[in-house]
Amino acid sequence: MGILVATFFDGLRYWFQDLRVRMTWRKWALVLIWLFLLAFTLGAGFTLIGENEPKAGLRFMLFFGVIILITGSGLWKILAQGREKRKQ
């Protein structure tokens, strides 16, 4: 699991470089918090489904999934603010 997470963040770093997004430690912290909340939402929702509580699991993922999507779009706006313009 650790290798997958390290590979993911390495790829994320190159993706942000390709998009010309300047990443500071504060932005990386926000991305890390958002990804933790996403993992928590999916983990808790599927755990509820696995414990024979499918309605509760789906409602949990629906409610927090909407929150995750809204905060993700806000996070992207924060990340894209420091974006360098491409020279044409």
Protein backbone atom coordinates (compact mmCIF):
# COMPACT_ATOMS: atom_id res chain seq x y z
CA MET A 1 0.00 0.00 0.00
CA GLY A 2 2.86 2.36 0.82
CA ILE A 3 4.42 1.85 -2.60
CA LEU A 4 1.11 2.66 -4.28
CA VAL A 5 0.65 5.85 -2.24
CA ALA A 6 4.24 6.96 -2.94
CA THR A 7 3.80 6.29 -6.67
CA PHE A 8 0.50 8.18 -6.65
CA PHE A 9 2.02 11.28 -5.04
CA ASP A 10 5.02 11.14 -7.36
CA GLY A 11 2.68 11.01 -10.35
CA LEU A 12 0.59 13.80 -8.85
CA ARG A 13 3.71 15.94 -8.55
CA TYR A 14 4.52 15.45 -12.26
CA TRP A 15 0.90 16.09 -13.22
CA PHE A 16 0.93 19.42 -11.37
CA GLN A 17 4.25 20.30 -13.05
CA ASP A 18 2.74 19.51 -16.45
CA LEU A 19 -0.24 21.76 -15.68
CA ARG A 20 2.18 24.44 -14.45
CA VAL A 21 0.60 24.59 -11.00
CA ARG A 22 2.92 25.95 -8.33
CA MET A 23 2.68 23.75 -5.27
CA THR A 24 3.70 25.03 -1.85
CA TRP A 25 3.70 22.99 1.34
CA ARG A 26 0.34 24.51 2.27
CA LYS A 27 -1.24 23.34 -0.98
CA TRP A 28 0.24 19.88 -0.54
CA ALA A 29 -1.23 19.80 2.98
CA LEU A 30 -4.68 20.69 1.61
CA VAL A 31 -4.41 17.97 -1.04
CA LEU A 32 -3.35 15.45 1.60
CA ILE A 33 -6.26 16.37 3.90
CA TRP A 34 -8.72 16.15 0.99
CA LEU A 35 -7.41 12.74 -0.07
CA PHE A 36 -7.61 11.50 3.53
CA LEU A 37 -11.26 12.61 3.74
CA LEU A 38 -12.00 10.89 0.42
CA ALA A 39 -10.38 7.65 1.61
CA PHE A 40 -12.23 7.86 4.93
CA THR A 41 -15.57 8.38 3.18
CA LEU A 42 -15.07 5.42 0.86
CA GLY A 43 -13.67 3.20 3.60
CA ALA A 44 -16.44 3.93 6.08
CA GLY A 45 -19.18 3.65 3.46
CA PHE A 46 -18.01 0.28 2.16
CA THR A 47 -17.44 -0.97 5.70
CA LEU A 48 -21.08 -0.21 6.49
CA ILE A 49 -22.13 -2.03 3.33
CA GLY A 50 -19.97 -5.00 4.34
CA GLU A 51 -21.60 -5.07 7.78
CA ASN A 52 -25.02 -5.61 6.14
CA GLU A 53 -26.06 -1.98 6.42
CA PRO A 54 -26.28 -1.07 2.73
CA LYS A 55 -28.72 1.81 3.17
CA ALA A 56 -26.54 3.46 5.80
CA GLY A 57 -23.41 2.93 3.72
CA LEU A 58 -24.93 4.39 0.58
CA ARG A 59 -26.40 7.36 2.45
CA PHE A 60 -23.05 7.97 4.15
CA MET A 61 -21.20 7.92 0.83
CA LEU A 62 -23.84 10.07 -0.86
CA PHE A 63 -23.84 12.73 1.84
CA PHE A 64 -20.09 12.94 2.33
CA GLY A 65 -19.44 12.32 -1.38
CA VAL A 66 -21.29 15.51 -2.25
CA ILE A 67 -19.26 17.38 0.38
CA ILE A 68 -16.04 15.87 -0.99
CA LEU A 69 -16.95 16.93 -4.55
CA ILE A 70 -17.75 20.49 -3.49
CA THR A 71 -14.58 20.85 -1.43
CA GLY A 72 -12.60 19.24 -4.26
CA SER A 73 -13.76 21.86 -6.73
CA GLY A 74 -12.89 24.58 -4.23
CA LEU A 75 -9.49 22.99 -3.70
CA TRP A 76 -8.86 22.95 -7.45
CA LYS A 77 -9.65 26.68 -7.61
CA ILE A 78 -7.11 27.29 -4.85
CA LEU A 79 -4.51 25.18 -6.63
CA ALA A 80 -5.13 26.79 -10.01
CA GLN A 81 -4.77 30.35 -8.67
CA GLY A 82 -0.99 30.17 -8.78
CA ARG A 83 -0.96 28.65 -12.23
CA GLU A 84 1.60 30.07 -14.60
CA LYS A 85 0.39 31.23 -18.00
CA ARG A 86 1.62 29.21 -20.98
CA LYS A 87 3.68 31.16 -23.45
CA GLN A 88 2.25 31.05 -26.96
